[in-house]
Structures are given as structure tokens and as C-alpha cells.
């Protein structure tokens, strides 16, 4: 099942998961970014759990 990211509270744009600061030592070091208003948002603990894993390229199957 594909997880749909939340929307920006400012302009309702879809948020994207910015993973530029993820390292092997800090796998959960990511944040939400809005391309509409350019703000960054800290993910909730629930977001971190739901969106921890991505999907295979070209697939909707989660990577576990």
C-alpha cells in the first residue's frame, strides 16, 4: 500500500520527504519539505514510523 504524505498546513501542497541528512548512524534524520512555501516541518513520531521505509523504484510495494 502506498503511503500518501501529509499536506502543508500553509498552502495545502503535498510535502516531500527530504532525506539529504540521513546517514547510517542517523537513519531517521529527515524532515518534511514543502515545495510550495519552501518551509520545512518536523515529522511526528507517527510519521517517522509510517514513512520510515520507501518503495522500490517503479513499484508500489513497500521495502521492508
PDB file of N, CA and C in Angstrom:
ATOM      1  N   UNK A   1       0.833  -1.179   0.000  1.00  0.00           N
ATOM      2  CA  UNK A   1       0.000   0.000   0.000  1.00  0.00           C
ATOM      3  C   UNK A   1       0.881   1.247   0.000  1.00  0.00           C
ATOM      4  N   UNK A   2       0.584   2.188  -0.850  1.00  0.00           N
ATOM      5  CA  UNK A   2       1.348   3.415  -0.959  1.00  0.00           C
ATOM      6  C   UNK A   2       0.930   4.358   0.160  1.00  0.00           C
ATOM      7  N   UNK A   3       1.912   4.901   0.857  1.00  0.00           N
ATOM      8  CA  UNK A   3       1.655   5.875   1.907  1.00  0.00           C
ATOM      9  C   UNK A   3       1.652   7.271   1.280  1.00  0.00           C
ATOM     10  N   UNK A   4       0.572   8.009   1.451  1.00  0.00           N
ATOM     11  CA  UNK A   4       0.471   9.357   0.909  1.00  0.00           C
ATOM     12  C   UNK A   4       0.951  10.341   1.975  1.00  0.00           C
ATOM     13  N   UNK A   5       1.928  11.176   1.622  1.00  0.00           N
ATOM     14  CA  UNK A   5       2.456  12.117   2.614  1.00  0.00           C
ATOM     15  C   UNK A   5       1.416  13.169   2.991  1.00  0.00           C
ATOM     16  N   UNK A   6       1.618  13.805   4.135  1.00  0.00           N
ATOM     17  CA  UNK A   6       0.686  14.851   4.551  1.00  0.00           C
ATOM     18  C   UNK A   6       0.788  16.083   3.656  1.00  0.00           C
ATOM     19  N   UNK A   7      -0.151  16.991   3.846  1.00  0.00           N
ATOM     20  CA  UNK A   7      -0.161  18.252   3.096  1.00  0.00           C
ATOM     21  C   UNK A   7       0.345  19.387   3.975  1.00  0.00           C
ATOM     22  N   UNK A   8       0.866  20.404   3.333  1.00  0.00           N
ATOM     23  CA  UNK A   8       1.377  21.583   4.026  1.00  0.00           C
ATOM     24  C   UNK A   8       0.225  22.317   4.712  1.00  0.00           C
ATOM     25  N   UNK A   9       0.392  22.664   5.988  1.00  0.00           N
ATOM     26  CA  UNK A   9      -0.668  23.408   6.665  1.00  0.00           C
ATOM     27  C   UNK A   9      -0.811  24.846   6.155  1.00  0.00           C
ATOM     28  N   UNK A  10       0.212  25.357   5.464  1.00  0.00           N
ATOM     29  CA  UNK A  10       0.185  26.721   4.961  1.00  0.00           C
ATOM     30  C   UNK A  10      -0.568  26.846   3.642  1.00  0.00           C
ATOM     31  N   UNK A  11      -0.188  26.010   2.647  1.00  0.00           N
ATOM     32  CA  UNK A  11      -0.799  26.161   1.324  1.00  0.00           C
ATOM     33  C   UNK A  11      -1.389  24.867   0.751  1.00  0.00           C
ATOM     34  N   UNK A  12      -1.433  23.808   1.542  1.00  0.00           N
ATOM     35  CA  UNK A  12      -2.037  22.525   1.161  1.00  0.00           C
ATOM     36  C   UNK A  12      -1.287  21.783   0.048  1.00  0.00           C
ATOM     37  N   UNK A  13      -0.036  22.180  -0.245  1.00  0.00           N
ATOM     38  CA  UNK A  13       0.788  21.423  -1.193  1.00  0.00           C
ATOM     39  C   UNK A  13       1.200  20.112  -0.546  1.00  0.00           C
ATOM     40  N   UNK A  14       1.460  19.107  -1.361  1.00  0.00           N
ATOM     41  CA  UNK A  14       1.943  17.833  -0.844  1.00  0.00           C
ATOM     42  C   UNK A  14       3.372  18.024  -0.330  1.00  0.00           C
ATOM     43  N   UNK A  15       3.657  17.482   0.848  1.00  0.00           N
ATOM     44  CA  UNK A  15       5.006  17.564   1.399  1.00  0.00           C
ATOM     45  C   UNK A  15       5.859  16.433   0.848  1.00  0.00           C
ATOM     46  N   UNK A  16       7.145  16.656   0.723  1.00  0.00           N
ATOM     47  CA  UNK A  16       8.046  15.588   0.307  1.00  0.00           C
ATOM     48  C   UNK A  16       9.058  15.337   1.406  1.00  0.00           C
ATOM     49  N   UNK A  17       9.531  14.115   1.449  1.00  0.00           N
ATOM     50  CA  UNK A  17      10.459  13.664   2.481  1.00  0.00           C
ATOM     51  C   UNK A  17      11.881  14.014   2.066  1.00  0.00           C
ATOM     52  N   UNK A  18      12.480  14.978   2.751  1.00  0.00           N
ATOM     53  CA  UNK A  18      13.846  15.396   2.464  1.00  0.00           C
ATOM     54  C   UNK A  18      14.795  14.489   3.233  1.00  0.00           C
ATOM     55  N   UNK A  19      15.517  13.663   2.502  1.00  0.00           N
ATOM     56  CA  UNK A  19      16.404  12.669   3.116  1.00  0.00           C
ATOM     57  C   UNK A  19      17.881  13.022   2.964  1.00  0.00           C
ATOM     58  N   UNK A  20      18.182  14.275   2.684  1.00  0.00           N
ATOM     59  CA  UNK A  20      19.576  14.662   2.430  1.00  0.00           C
ATOM     60  C   UNK A  20      20.481  14.502   3.645  1.00  0.00           C
ATOM     61  N   UNK A  21      19.926  14.433   4.851  1.00  0.00           N
ATOM     62  CA  UNK A  21      20.761  14.318   6.055  1.00  0.00           C
ATOM     63  C   UNK A  21      20.729  12.932   6.686  1.00  0.00           C
ATOM     64  N   UNK A  22      20.166  11.958   5.984  1.00  0.00           N
ATOM     65  CA  UNK A  22      20.147  10.592   6.515  1.00  0.00           C
ATOM     66  C   UNK A  22      21.542   9.973   6.368  1.00  0.00           C
ATOM     67  N   UNK A  23      21.996   9.334   7.424  1.00  0.00           N
ATOM     68  CA  UNK A  23      23.265   8.605   7.408  1.00  0.00           C
ATOM     69  C   UNK A  23      23.023   7.242   8.043  1.00  0.00           C
ATOM     70  N   UNK A  24      23.942   6.290   7.889  1.00  0.00           N
ATOM     71  CA  UNK A  24      23.776   5.000   8.557  1.00  0.00           C
ATOM     72  C   UNK A  24      23.640   5.139  10.079  1.00  0.00           C
ATOM     73  N   UNK A  25      24.310   6.125  10.649  1.00  0.00           N
ATOM     74  CA  UNK A  25      24.236   6.333  12.101  1.00  0.00           C
ATOM     75  C   UNK A  25      22.935   7.033  12.520  1.00  0.00           C
ATOM     76  N   UNK A  26      22.323   7.786  11.602  1.00  0.00           N
ATOM     77  CA  UNK A  26      21.080   8.535  11.905  1.00  0.00           C
ATOM     78  C   UNK A  26      20.039   8.288  10.815  1.00  0.00           C
ATOM     79  N   UNK A  27      19.470   7.082  10.753  1.00  0.00           N
ATOM     80  CA  UNK A  27      18.547   6.754   9.663  1.00  0.00           C
ATOM     81  C   UNK A  27      17.229   7.525   9.697  1.00  0.00           C
ATOM     82  N   UNK A  28      16.867   8.099  10.843  1.00  0.00           N
ATOM     83  CA  UNK A  28      15.618   8.854  10.937  1.00  0.00           C
ATOM     84  C   UNK A  28      15.834  10.358  10.914  1.00  0.00           C
ATOM     85  N   UNK A  29      16.983  10.812  10.405  1.00  0.00           N
ATOM     86  CA  UNK A  29      17.304  12.234  10.362  1.00  0.00           C
ATOM     87  C   UNK A  29      16.755  12.855   9.074  1.00  0.00           C
ATOM     88  N   UNK A  30      15.430  12.964   8.978  1.00  0.00           N
ATOM     89  CA  UNK A  30      14.800  13.551   7.807  1.00  0.00           C
ATOM     90  C   UNK A  30      13.692  14.498   8.258  1.00  0.00           C
ATOM     91  N   UNK A  31      13.206  15.304   7.320  1.00  0.00           N
ATOM     92  CA  UNK A  31      12.116  16.229   7.620  1.00  0.00           C
ATOM     93  C   UNK A  31      11.211  16.361   6.402  1.00  0.00           C
ATOM     94  N   UNK A  32      10.032  16.919   6.622  1.00  0.00           N
ATOM     95  CA  UNK A  32       9.112  17.217   5.527  1.00  0.00           C
ATOM     96  C   UNK A  32       9.490  18.561   4.936  1.00  0.00           C
ATOM     97  N   UNK A  33       9.358  18.675   3.626  1.00  0.00           N
ATOM     98  CA  UNK A  33       9.646  19.939   2.944  1.00  0.00           C
ATOM     99  C   UNK A  33       8.488  20.257   2.006  1.00  0.00           C
ATOM    100  N   UNK A  34       8.073  21.507   1.998  1.00  0.00           N
ATOM    101  CA  UNK A  34       7.006  21.950   1.102  1.00  0.00           C
ATOM    102  C   UNK A  34       7.622  22.708  -0.066  1.00  0.00           C
ATOM    103  N   UNK A  35       7.363  22.245  -1.282  1.00  0.00           N
ATOM    104  CA  UNK A  35       7.898  22.945  -2.451  1.00  0.00           C
ATOM    105  C   UNK A  35       7.071  24.186  -2.765  1.00  0.00           C
ATOM    106  N   UNK A  36       5.873  24.288  -2.194  1.00  0.00           N
ATOM    107  CA  UNK A  36       5.032  25.456  -2.433  1.00  0.00           C
ATOM    108  C   UNK A  36       5.490  26.671  -1.645  1.00  0.00           C
ATOM    109  N   UNK A  37       5.690  26.508  -0.337  1.00  0.00           N
ATOM    110  CA  UNK A  37       6.072  27.647   0.510  1.00  0.00           C
ATOM    111  C   UNK A  37       7.522  27.561   0.991  1.00  0.00           C
ATOM    112  N   UNK A  38       8.219  26.479   0.642  1.00  0.00           N
ATOM    113  CA  UNK A  38       9.640  26.265   0.978  1.00  0.00           C
ATOM    114  C   UNK A  38       9.916  26.120   2.475  1.00  0.00           C
ATOM    115  N   UNK A  39       8.902  25.790   3.253  1.00  0.00           N
ATOM    116  CA  UNK A  39       9.110  25.578   4.684  1.00  0.00           C
ATOM    117  C   UNK A  39       9.441  24.122   4.958  1.00  0.00           C
ATOM    118  N   UNK A  40      10.147  23.893   6.039  1.00  0.00           N
ATOM    119  CA  UNK A  40      10.455  22.546   6.497  1.00  0.00           C
ATOM    120  C   UNK A  40       9.631  22.265   7.747  1.00  0.00           C
ATOM    121  N   UNK A  41       9.194  21.017   7.898  1.00  0.00           N
ATOM    122  CA  UNK A  41       8.389  20.616   9.035  1.00  0.00           C
ATOM    123  C   UNK A  41       8.988  19.368   9.666  1.00  0.00           C
ATOM    124  N   UNK A  42       9.006  19.328  10.972  1.00  0.00           N
ATOM    125  CA  UNK A  42       9.494  18.159  11.686  1.00  0.00           C
ATOM    126  C   UNK A  42       8.422  17.076  11.657  1.00  0.00           C
ATOM    127  N   UNK A  43       8.773  15.858  11.239  1.00  0.00           N
ATOM    128  CA  UNK A  43       7.776  14.787  11.224  1.00  0.00           C
ATOM    129  C   UNK A  43       7.412  14.347  12.638  1.00  0.00           C
ATOM    130  N   UNK A  44       6.173  13.938  12.804  1.00  0.00           N
ATOM    131  CA  UNK A  44       5.736  13.414  14.096  1.00  0.00           C
ATOM    132  C   UNK A  44       6.313  12.018  14.295  1.00  0.00           C
ATOM    133  N   UNK A  45       6.212  11.501  15.496  1.00  0.00           N
ATOM    134  CA  UNK A  45       6.661  10.120  15.751  1.00  0.00           C
ATOM    135  C   UNK A  45       5.875   9.151  14.875  1.00  0.00           C
ATOM    136  N   UNK A  46       4.587   9.417  14.672  1.00  0.00           N
ATOM    137  CA  UNK A  46       3.758   8.567  13.798  1.00  0.00           C
ATOM    138  C   UNK A  46       4.264   8.640  12.359  1.00  0.00           C
ATOM    139  N   UNK A  47       4.606   9.846  11.880  1.00  0.00           N
ATOM    140  CA  UNK A  47       5.169   9.993  10.527  1.00  0.00           C
ATOM    141  C   UNK A  47       6.454   9.196  10.398  1.00  0.00           C
ATOM    142  N   UNK A  48       7.334   9.293  11.410  1.00  0.00           N
ATOM    143  CA  UNK A  48       8.612   8.566  11.359  1.00  0.00           C
ATOM    144  C   UNK A  48       8.372   7.067  11.220  1.00  0.00           C
ATOM    145  N   UNK A  49       7.361   6.548  11.898  1.00  0.00           N
ATOM    146  CA  UNK A  49       7.054   5.121  11.818  1.00  0.00           C
ATOM    147  C   UNK A  49       6.428   4.769  10.465  1.00  0.00           C
ATOM    148  N   UNK A  50       5.451   5.548  10.028  1.00  0.00           N
ATOM    149  CA  UNK A  50       4.743   5.256   8.773  1.00  0.00           C
ATOM    150  C   UNK A  50       5.612   5.399   7.540  1.00  0.00           C
ATOM    151  N   UNK A  51       6.513   6.381   7.547  1.00  0.00           N
ATOM    152  CA  UNK A  51       7.290   6.700   6.349  1.00  0.00           C
ATOM    153  C   UNK A  51       8.764   6.329   6.483  1.00  0.00           C
ATOM    154  N   UNK A  52       9.084   5.447   7.426  1.00  0.00           N
ATOM    155  CA  UNK A  52      10.470   5.032   7.644  1.00  0.00           C
ATOM    156  C   UNK A  52      11.053   4.352   6.400  1.00  0.00           C
ATOM    157  N   UNK A  53      10.284   3.513   5.767  1.00  0.00           N
ATOM    158  CA  UNK A  53      10.745   2.759   4.602  1.00  0.00           C
ATOM    159  C   UNK A  53      10.167   3.363   3.337  1.00  0.00           C
ATOM    160  N   UNK A  54      10.939   3.295   2.280  1.00  0.00           N
ATOM    161  CA  UNK A  54      10.479   3.798   0.988  1.00  0.00           C
ATOM    162  C   UNK A  54       9.859   2.688   0.175  1.00  0.00           C
ATOM    163  N   UNK A  55       9.786   2.905  -1.113  1.00  0.00           N
ATOM    164  CA  UNK A  55       9.297   1.883  -2.027  1.00  0.00           C
ATOM    165  C   UNK A  55      10.365   1.619  -3.070  1.00  0.00           C
ATOM    166  N   UNK A  56      10.312   0.449  -3.655  1.00  0.00           N
ATOM    167  CA  UNK A  56      11.248   0.140  -4.733  1.00  0.00           C
ATOM    168  C   UNK A  56      10.945   1.043  -5.917  1.00  0.00           C
ATOM    169  N   UNK A  57      11.957   1.414  -6.640  1.00  0.00           N
ATOM    170  CA  UNK A  57      11.777   2.285  -7.784  1.00  0.00           C
ATOM    171  C   UNK A  57      10.815   1.637  -8.784  1.00  0.00           C
ATOM    172  N   UNK A  58       9.798   2.364  -9.168  1.00  0.00           N
ATOM    173  CA  UNK A  58       8.826   1.863 -10.133  1.00  0.00           C
ATOM    174  C   UNK A  58       7.829   0.897  -9.539  1.00  0.00           C
ATOM    175  N   UNK A  59       7.823   0.760  -8.217  1.00  0.00           N
ATOM    176  CA  UNK A  59       6.931  -0.188  -7.558  1.00  0.00           C
ATOM    177  C   UNK A  59       6.155   0.513  -6.460  1.00  0.00           C
ATOM    178  N   UNK A  60       4.995  -0.034  -6.140  1.00  0.00           N
ATOM    179  CA  UNK A  60       4.227   0.487  -5.008  1.00  0.00           C
ATOM    180  C   UNK A  60       4.354  -0.429  -3.815  1.00  0.00           C
ATOM    181  N   UNK A  61       5.168  -1.481  -3.932  1.00  0.00           N
ATOM    182  CA  UNK A  61       5.379  -2.403  -2.813  1.00  0.00           C
ATOM    183  C   UNK A  61       6.374  -1.799  -1.833  1.00  0.00           C
ATOM    184  N   UNK A  62       6.030  -1.766  -0.535  1.00  0.00           N
ATOM    185  CA  UNK A  62       6.974  -1.210   0.428  1.00  0.00           C
ATOM    186  C   UNK A  62       8.244  -2.050   0.550  1.00  0.00           C
ATOM    187  N   UNK A  63       9.335  -1.382   0.832  1.00  0.00           N
ATOM    188  CA  UNK A  63      10.616  -2.074   1.072  1.00  0.00           C
ATOM    189  C   UNK A  63      10.751  -2.278   2.568  1.00  0.00           C
ATOM    190  N   UNK A  64      10.795  -3.505   3.006  1.00  0.00           N
ATOM    191  CA  UNK A  64      10.913  -3.798   4.434  1.00  0.00           C
ATOM    192  C   UNK A  64      12.198  -4.440   4.637  1.00  0.00           C
TER     193      UNK A  64
END
